[in-house]
Amino acid sequence: MMLAAKPSLSICKGTARRSVPAGPRAVRPAVGRCQRLVVRAEETTTTTSSSFDSEKVLKDLQQKWDAVENKGTVAAYAAGAVVALWLSSTIVNAINSVPLLPKMMELVGLGYSAWFTYRYLLFKSSREELLKDIGELSKKISGSE
């Protein structure tokens, strides 16, 4: 579902005055030298519908869970990830309470983002290098290399 709207605008000839009404108003015929254009939002439907099949996702997750040999190890890793997330949140909040440190960290992040953009995203050859590096890393992680 999309809403399409055209602007609402009044133009008065001779005065060069423009005004945009604050809220929806009824269309009135032009009186005197002013002309009014009022537009309504109309609903248009599109044929692109992205549906989410939750049963398929749940079945897929169930199959993957059943294929896991050592469920205790997976549960330990998940618990460790939750603890690591909590610990990192605590550290970030502690750093955030130090007076000038958050602004300095923002500057460091901004500088690193600018460097990364210049180094990997600005030129075509460096973008190709980045994609190659990401591909190699994903192969190492998945164990297919």
N, C-alpha and C. Protein backbone atom coordinates (compact mmCIF):
# COMPACT_ATOMS: atom_id res chain seq x y z
N MET A 1 0.84 -1.17 0.00
CA MET A 1 0.00 0.00 0.00
C MET A 1 0.89 1.23 0.00
N MET A 2 0.60 2.14 -0.90
CA MET A 2 1.35 3.39 -0.96
C MET A 2 0.38 4.54 -0.94
N LEU A 3 0.82 5.64 -0.36
CA LEU A 3 0.03 6.85 -0.38
C LEU A 3 0.69 7.83 -1.32
N ALA A 4 -0.08 8.34 -2.27
CA ALA A 4 0.45 9.33 -3.19
C ALA A 4 -0.23 10.65 -2.89
N ALA A 5 0.55 11.71 -2.80
CA ALA A 5 -0.02 13.01 -2.49
C ALA A 5 0.63 14.07 -3.35
N LYS A 6 -0.13 15.08 -3.67
CA LYS A 6 0.38 16.23 -4.39
C LYS A 6 0.29 17.43 -3.45
N PRO A 7 1.17 18.40 -3.59
CA PRO A 7 1.19 19.51 -2.63
C PRO A 7 -0.05 20.38 -2.73
N SER A 8 -0.38 21.01 -1.61
CA SER A 8 -1.48 21.94 -1.56
C SER A 8 -0.89 23.35 -1.53
N LEU A 9 -1.32 24.22 -2.45
CA LEU A 9 -0.66 25.50 -2.59
C LEU A 9 -1.67 26.54 -3.07
N SER A 10 -1.58 27.73 -2.51
CA SER A 10 -2.40 28.85 -2.98
C SER A 10 -1.48 29.89 -3.58
N ILE A 11 -1.84 30.42 -4.74
CA ILE A 11 -1.07 31.49 -5.37
C ILE A 11 -2.02 32.63 -5.66
N CYS A 12 -1.69 33.80 -5.14
CA CYS A 12 -2.50 35.00 -5.37
C CYS A 12 -1.77 35.87 -6.38
N LYS A 13 -2.41 36.13 -7.51
CA LYS A 13 -1.79 36.91 -8.57
C LYS A 13 -1.70 38.37 -8.14
N GLY A 14 -0.63 38.98 -8.55
CA GLY A 14 -0.47 40.40 -8.27
C GLY A 14 0.21 40.67 -6.94
N THR A 15 0.07 39.77 -5.96
CA THR A 15 0.68 40.00 -4.65
C THR A 15 1.92 39.16 -4.46
N ALA A 16 2.16 38.18 -5.30
CA ALA A 16 3.29 37.26 -5.21
C ALA A 16 3.32 36.58 -3.84
N ARG A 17 2.15 36.36 -3.27
CA ARG A 17 2.06 35.74 -1.95
C ARG A 17 1.72 34.27 -2.14
N ARG A 18 2.44 33.41 -1.43
CA ARG A 18 2.16 31.98 -1.46
C ARG A 18 1.80 31.54 -0.06
N SER A 19 0.87 30.66 0.04
CA SER A 19 0.53 30.13 1.35
C SER A 19 0.18 28.66 1.21
N VAL A 20 0.56 27.90 2.23
CA VAL A 20 0.25 26.48 2.27
C VAL A 20 -0.68 26.26 3.45
N PRO A 21 -1.87 25.73 3.26
CA PRO A 21 -2.79 25.56 4.37
C PRO A 21 -2.26 24.56 5.40
N ALA A 22 -2.63 24.77 6.67
CA ALA A 22 -2.14 23.94 7.76
C ALA A 22 -2.79 22.56 7.78
N GLY A 23 -4.03 22.45 7.43
CA GLY A 23 -4.71 21.16 7.50
C GLY A 23 -5.55 20.91 6.27
N PRO A 24 -6.21 19.76 6.22
CA PRO A 24 -7.05 19.46 5.06
C PRO A 24 -8.28 20.37 5.04
N ARG A 25 -8.58 20.91 3.88
CA ARG A 25 -9.74 21.79 3.71
C ARG A 25 -10.51 21.35 2.49
N ALA A 26 -11.73 21.75 2.42
CA ALA A 26 -12.56 21.44 1.26
C ALA A 26 -12.12 22.28 0.08
N VAL A 27 -12.30 21.76 -1.11
CA VAL A 27 -11.94 22.50 -2.32
C VAL A 27 -12.99 23.57 -2.55
N ARG A 28 -12.51 24.82 -2.66
CA ARG A 28 -13.41 25.93 -2.93
C ARG A 28 -13.03 26.56 -4.26
N PRO A 29 -14.01 27.09 -4.97
CA PRO A 29 -13.67 27.75 -6.24
C PRO A 29 -12.85 29.01 -5.97
N ALA A 30 -12.05 29.39 -6.94
CA ALA A 30 -11.21 30.57 -6.82
C ALA A 30 -12.07 31.81 -6.71
N VAL A 31 -11.74 32.67 -5.76
CA VAL A 31 -12.47 33.91 -5.56
C VAL A 31 -11.53 35.06 -5.88
N GLY A 32 -11.95 35.95 -6.69
CA GLY A 32 -11.13 37.11 -7.01
C GLY A 32 -9.89 36.70 -7.79
N ARG A 33 -8.74 37.16 -7.31
CA ARG A 33 -7.51 36.93 -8.04
C ARG A 33 -6.71 35.74 -7.50
N CYS A 34 -7.20 35.05 -6.48
CA CYS A 34 -6.46 33.92 -5.89
C CYS A 34 -6.94 32.61 -6.48
N GLN A 35 -6.02 31.71 -6.65
CA GLN A 35 -6.35 30.37 -7.09
C GLN A 35 -5.87 29.41 -6.02
N ARG A 36 -6.64 28.39 -5.74
CA ARG A 36 -6.28 27.43 -4.71
C ARG A 36 -6.22 26.03 -5.31
N LEU A 37 -5.18 25.31 -4.93
CA LEU A 37 -5.01 23.94 -5.38
C LEU A 37 -4.93 23.08 -4.12
N VAL A 38 -5.88 22.19 -3.95
CA VAL A 38 -5.90 21.30 -2.79
C VAL A 38 -5.80 19.87 -3.31
N VAL A 39 -4.95 19.11 -2.68
CA VAL A 39 -4.70 17.75 -3.13
C VAL A 39 -4.97 16.79 -2.00
N ARG A 40 -5.52 15.65 -2.34
CA ARG A 40 -5.79 14.61 -1.34
C ARG A 40 -4.83 13.46 -1.55
N ALA A 41 -4.53 12.77 -0.47
CA ALA A 41 -3.72 11.55 -0.56
C ALA A 41 -4.62 10.41 -0.98
N GLU A 42 -4.16 9.64 -1.94
CA GLU A 42 -4.93 8.50 -2.43
C GLU A 42 -4.13 7.24 -2.21
N GLU A 43 -4.82 6.19 -1.87
CA GLU A 43 -4.18 4.91 -1.64
C GLU A 43 -4.04 4.17 -2.95
N THR A 44 -2.81 3.73 -3.23
CA THR A 44 -2.58 2.92 -4.41
C THR A 44 -1.99 1.59 -3.96
N THR A 45 -2.41 0.55 -4.58
CA THR A 45 -1.90 -0.77 -4.21
C THR A 45 -0.88 -1.21 -5.25
N THR A 46 0.13 -1.89 -4.77
CA THR A 46 1.13 -2.44 -5.68
C THR A 46 1.07 -3.95 -5.61
N THR A 47 1.57 -4.58 -6.64
CA THR A 47 1.50 -6.04 -6.70
C THR A 47 2.65 -6.71 -5.96
N THR A 48 3.65 -5.94 -5.53
CA THR A 48 4.77 -6.55 -4.82
C THR A 48 4.36 -6.80 -3.38
N SER A 49 4.27 -8.06 -3.03
CA SER A 49 3.93 -8.40 -1.66
C SER A 49 4.99 -9.34 -1.14
N SER A 50 5.61 -8.95 -0.05
CA SER A 50 6.64 -9.79 0.55
C SER A 50 6.04 -10.42 1.80
N SER A 51 5.74 -11.69 1.71
CA SER A 51 5.14 -12.38 2.84
C SER A 51 6.22 -13.16 3.57
N PHE A 52 6.06 -13.28 4.84
CA PHE A 52 7.02 -13.98 5.70
C PHE A 52 6.38 -15.29 6.12
N ASP A 53 7.00 -16.39 5.75
CA ASP A 53 6.48 -17.70 6.07
C ASP A 53 7.16 -18.19 7.35
N SER A 54 6.49 -17.98 8.48
CA SER A 54 7.09 -18.33 9.77
C SER A 54 7.19 -19.84 9.97
N GLU A 55 6.25 -20.58 9.43
CA GLU A 55 6.31 -22.04 9.58
C GLU A 55 7.54 -22.61 8.89
N LYS A 56 7.86 -22.09 7.72
CA LYS A 56 9.03 -22.56 6.99
C LYS A 56 10.31 -22.25 7.78
N VAL A 57 10.37 -21.05 8.35
CA VAL A 57 11.55 -20.66 9.13
C VAL A 57 11.68 -21.54 10.37
N LEU A 58 10.58 -21.79 11.04
CA LEU A 58 10.62 -22.64 12.24
C LEU A 58 11.03 -24.06 11.90
N LYS A 59 10.50 -24.60 10.80
CA LYS A 59 10.89 -25.95 10.38
C LYS A 59 12.38 -26.01 10.04
N ASP A 60 12.87 -24.98 9.36
CA ASP A 60 14.29 -24.92 9.01
C ASP A 60 15.16 -24.86 10.26
N LEU A 61 14.76 -24.02 11.23
CA LEU A 61 15.52 -23.95 12.49
C LEU A 61 15.46 -25.28 13.25
N GLN A 62 14.32 -25.93 13.24
CA GLN A 62 14.18 -27.22 13.92
C GLN A 62 15.09 -28.27 13.28
N GLN A 63 15.15 -28.28 11.94
CA GLN A 63 16.02 -29.23 11.25
C GLN A 63 17.49 -28.96 11.58
N LYS A 64 17.87 -27.69 11.62
CA LYS A 64 19.26 -27.36 11.93
C LYS A 64 19.59 -27.72 13.37
N TRP A 65 18.65 -27.50 14.29
CA TRP A 65 18.89 -27.84 15.69
C TRP A 65 19.01 -29.36 15.86
N ASP A 66 18.17 -30.10 15.14
CA ASP A 66 18.25 -31.56 15.21
C ASP A 66 19.55 -32.09 14.60
N ALA A 67 20.14 -31.36 13.65
CA ALA A 67 21.38 -31.79 13.02
C ALA A 67 22.60 -31.52 13.90
N VAL A 68 22.45 -30.68 14.93
CA VAL A 68 23.57 -30.36 15.82
C VAL A 68 23.87 -31.58 16.68
N GLU A 69 25.16 -31.98 16.72
CA GLU A 69 25.55 -33.16 17.49
C GLU A 69 25.71 -32.85 18.97
N ASN A 70 26.37 -31.74 19.29
CA ASN A 70 26.66 -31.40 20.68
C ASN A 70 25.85 -30.17 21.08
N LYS A 71 24.64 -30.40 21.52
CA LYS A 71 23.74 -29.30 21.86
C LYS A 71 24.21 -28.52 23.09
N GLY A 72 24.89 -29.19 24.01
CA GLY A 72 25.40 -28.52 25.21
C GLY A 72 26.43 -27.45 24.88
N THR A 73 27.28 -27.73 23.92
CA THR A 73 28.30 -26.76 23.50
C THR A 73 27.65 -25.54 22.87
N VAL A 74 26.64 -25.77 22.04
CA VAL A 74 25.93 -24.66 21.40
C VAL A 74 25.25 -23.80 22.47
N ALA A 75 24.64 -24.43 23.46
CA ALA A 75 23.99 -23.68 24.53
C ALA A 75 25.02 -22.88 25.34
N ALA A 76 26.20 -23.47 25.57
CA ALA A 76 27.25 -22.76 26.30
C ALA A 76 27.74 -21.55 25.51
N TYR A 77 27.90 -21.72 24.19
CA TYR A 77 28.30 -20.59 23.36
C TYR A 77 27.24 -19.48 23.37
N ALA A 78 25.97 -19.86 23.32
CA ALA A 78 24.90 -18.87 23.35
C ALA A 78 24.89 -18.12 24.68
N ALA A 79 25.06 -18.85 25.78
CA ALA A 79 25.11 -18.20 27.09
C ALA A 79 26.33 -17.28 27.19
N GLY A 80 27.46 -17.71 26.65
CA GLY A 80 28.66 -16.88 26.64
C GLY A 80 28.46 -15.61 25.83
N ALA A 81 27.74 -15.72 24.72
CA ALA A 81 27.46 -14.54 23.89
C ALA A 81 26.59 -13.55 24.64
N VAL A 82 25.60 -14.05 25.39
CA VAL A 82 24.74 -13.16 26.18
C VAL A 82 25.56 -12.46 27.27
N VAL A 83 26.42 -13.20 27.94
CA VAL A 83 27.27 -12.61 28.98
C VAL A 83 28.21 -11.58 28.37
N ALA A 84 28.80 -11.87 27.22
CA ALA A 84 29.70 -10.92 26.56
C ALA A 84 28.95 -9.65 26.15
N LEU A 85 27.73 -9.80 25.69
CA LEU A 85 26.92 -8.64 25.33
C LEU A 85 26.62 -7.78 26.55
N TRP A 86 26.26 -8.42 27.65
CA TRP A 86 25.99 -7.69 28.89
C TRP A 86 27.25 -6.97 29.38
N LEU A 87 28.38 -7.66 29.34
CA LEU A 87 29.64 -7.08 29.81
C LEU A 87 30.05 -5.89 28.94
N SER A 88 29.92 -6.02 27.64
CA SER A 88 30.28 -4.90 26.76
C SER A 88 29.35 -3.71 26.97
N SER A 89 28.08 -3.97 27.23
CA SER A 89 27.15 -2.89 27.53
C SER A 89 27.55 -2.17 28.82
N THR A 90 27.97 -2.92 29.82
CA THR A 90 28.41 -2.33 31.07
C THR A 90 29.66 -1.47 30.86
N ILE A 91 30.60 -1.95 30.07
CA ILE A 91 31.83 -1.20 29.80
C ILE A 91 31.53 0.09 29.04
N VAL A 92 30.65 0.01 28.04
CA VAL A 92 30.30 1.20 27.26
C VAL A 92 29.61 2.23 28.16
N ASN A 93 28.73 1.79 29.04
CA ASN A 93 28.07 2.73 29.96
C ASN A 93 29.07 3.36 30.91
N ALA A 94 30.08 2.60 31.37
CA ALA A 94 31.10 3.16 32.25
C ALA A 94 31.94 4.21 31.51
N ILE A 95 32.30 3.92 30.26
CA ILE A 95 33.07 4.88 29.46
C ILE A 95 32.23 6.12 29.19
N ASN A 96 30.95 5.94 28.97
CA ASN A 96 30.06 7.04 28.67
C ASN A 96 29.92 8.01 29.84
N SER A 97 30.16 7.54 31.06
CA SER A 97 30.01 8.42 32.22
C SER A 97 31.24 9.29 32.47
N VAL A 98 32.38 8.99 31.83
CA VAL A 98 33.58 9.83 31.96
C VAL A 98 33.38 11.07 31.10
N PRO A 99 33.63 12.28 31.64
CA PRO A 99 33.24 13.51 30.95
C PRO A 99 33.68 13.68 29.49
N LEU A 100 34.91 13.74 29.11
CA LEU A 100 35.29 14.04 27.74
C LEU A 100 35.51 12.81 26.87
N LEU A 101 35.49 11.67 27.46
CA LEU A 101 35.79 10.44 26.73
C LEU A 101 34.78 10.10 25.62
N PRO A 102 33.47 10.26 25.82
CA PRO A 102 32.54 9.93 24.73
C PRO A 102 32.75 10.77 23.48
N LYS A 103 33.02 12.06 23.64
CA LYS A 103 33.25 12.91 22.47
C LYS A 103 34.55 12.51 21.75
N MET A 104 35.58 12.16 22.53
CA MET A 104 36.82 11.72 21.93
C MET A 104 36.60 10.41 21.16
N MET A 105 35.81 9.50 21.73
CA MET A 105 35.52 8.24 21.04
C MET A 105 34.73 8.49 19.75
N GLU A 106 33.83 9.48 19.76
CA GLU A 106 33.10 9.82 18.54
C GLU A 106 34.06 10.33 17.47
N LEU A 107 35.04 11.15 17.87
CA LEU A 107 36.01 11.64 16.91
C LEU A 107 36.87 10.51 16.35
N VAL A 108 37.26 9.58 17.20
CA VAL A 108 38.03 8.43 16.73
C VAL A 108 37.19 7.62 15.74
N GLY A 109 35.92 7.40 16.05
CA GLY A 109 35.04 6.66 15.15
C GLY A 109 34.84 7.38 13.83
N LEU A 110 34.70 8.70 13.89
CA LEU A 110 34.54 9.49 12.67
C LEU A 110 35.81 9.42 11.82
N GLY A 111 36.96 9.51 12.48
CA GLY A 111 38.22 9.41 11.75
C GLY A 111 38.40 8.05 11.11
N TYR A 112 38.07 6.99 11.84
CA TYR A 112 38.20 5.65 11.29
C TYR A 112 37.23 5.45 10.12
N SER A 113 36.00 5.97 10.26
CA SER A 113 35.04 5.85 9.16
C SER A 113 35.53 6.56 7.91
N ALA A 114 36.12 7.76 8.09
CA ALA A 114 36.65 8.49 6.94
C ALA A 114 37.81 7.71 6.31
N TRP A 115 38.69 7.14 7.12
CA TRP A 115 39.81 6.37 6.60
C TRP A 115 39.31 5.14 5.84
N PHE A 116 38.35 4.42 6.43
CA PHE A 116 37.81 3.22 5.81
C PHE A 116 37.17 3.56 4.46
N THR A 117 36.42 4.66 4.42
CA THR A 117 35.79 5.08 3.17
C THR A 117 36.86 5.38 2.13
N TYR A 118 37.90 6.13 2.52
CA TYR A 118 38.97 6.45 1.57
C TYR A 118 39.72 5.19 1.14
N ARG A 119 40.00 4.31 2.08
CA ARG A 119 40.82 3.14 1.80
C ARG A 119 40.08 2.08 0.99
N TYR A 120 38.81 1.81 1.29
CA TYR A 120 38.12 0.67 0.69
C TYR A 120 36.93 1.01 -0.20
N LEU A 121 36.32 2.15 -0.05
CA LEU A 121 35.06 2.39 -0.77
C LEU A 121 35.17 3.42 -1.89
N LEU A 122 36.18 4.26 -1.87
CA LEU A 122 36.23 5.37 -2.81
C LEU A 122 36.60 4.94 -4.23
N PHE A 123 37.52 4.01 -4.37
CA PHE A 123 38.01 3.62 -5.68
C PHE A 123 37.58 2.18 -6.02
N LYS A 124 37.39 1.93 -7.31
CA LYS A 124 36.88 0.63 -7.74
C LYS A 124 37.84 -0.50 -7.40
N SER A 125 39.14 -0.29 -7.59
CA SER A 125 40.11 -1.36 -7.31
C SER A 125 40.12 -1.72 -5.83
N SER A 126 39.96 -0.72 -4.96
CA SER A 126 39.96 -1.02 -3.53
C SER A 126 38.65 -1.69 -3.11
N ARG A 127 37.54 -1.37 -3.78
CA ARG A 127 36.28 -2.06 -3.49
C ARG A 127 36.39 -3.53 -3.86
N GLU A 128 37.02 -3.81 -5.01
CA GLU A 128 37.22 -5.20 -5.43
C GLU A 128 38.11 -5.94 -4.44
N GLU A 129 39.13 -5.25 -3.93
CA GLU A 129 40.02 -5.85 -2.93
C GLU A 129 39.24 -6.17 -1.65
N LEU A 130 38.37 -5.26 -1.25
CA LEU A 130 37.56 -5.48 -0.05
C LEU A 130 36.64 -6.68 -0.24
N LEU A 131 35.99 -6.77 -1.38
CA LEU A 131 35.10 -7.91 -1.64
C LEU A 131 35.87 -9.23 -1.65
N LYS A 132 37.09 -9.21 -2.21
CA LYS A 132 37.92 -10.41 -2.22
C LYS A 132 38.29 -10.81 -0.78
N ASP A 133 38.67 -9.82 0.04
CA ASP A 133 39.02 -10.10 1.44
C ASP A 133 37.84 -10.65 2.22
N ILE A 134 36.65 -10.10 1.98
CA ILE A 134 35.45 -10.58 2.68
C ILE A 134 35.13 -12.00 2.24
N GLY A 135 35.29 -12.29 0.95
CA GLY A 135 35.05 -13.64 0.46
C GLY A 135 36.01 -14.65 1.08
N GLU A 136 37.30 -14.27 1.17
CA GLU A 136 38.28 -15.17 1.79
C GLU A 136 37.96 -15.40 3.26
N LEU A 137 37.58 -14.33 3.97
CA LEU A 137 37.25 -14.46 5.39
C LEU A 137 36.03 -15.36 5.60
N SER A 138 35.02 -15.20 4.74
CA SER A 138 33.83 -16.03 4.89
C SER A 138 34.14 -17.50 4.60
N LYS A 139 35.07 -17.76 3.66
CA LYS A 139 35.47 -19.14 3.39
C LYS A 139 36.22 -19.73 4.58
N LYS A 140 37.08 -18.91 5.23
CA LYS A 140 37.80 -19.38 6.41
C LYS A 140 36.85 -19.69 7.55
N ILE A 141 35.86 -18.82 7.73
CA ILE A 141 34.91 -19.01 8.83
C ILE A 141 34.04 -20.23 8.59
N SER A 142 33.57 -20.39 7.36
CA SER A 142 32.69 -21.53 7.06
C SER A 142 33.46 -22.84 6.97
N GLY A 143 34.78 -22.78 6.81
CA GLY A 143 35.58 -23.98 6.76
C GLY A 143 35.65 -24.61 5.38
N SER A 144 35.26 -23.88 4.37
CA SER A 144 35.29 -24.44 3.02
C SER A 144 36.64 -24.22 2.33
N GLU A 145 37.59 -23.62 3.01
CA GLU A 145 38.90 -23.37 2.41
C GLU A 145 39.91 -24.35 2.92
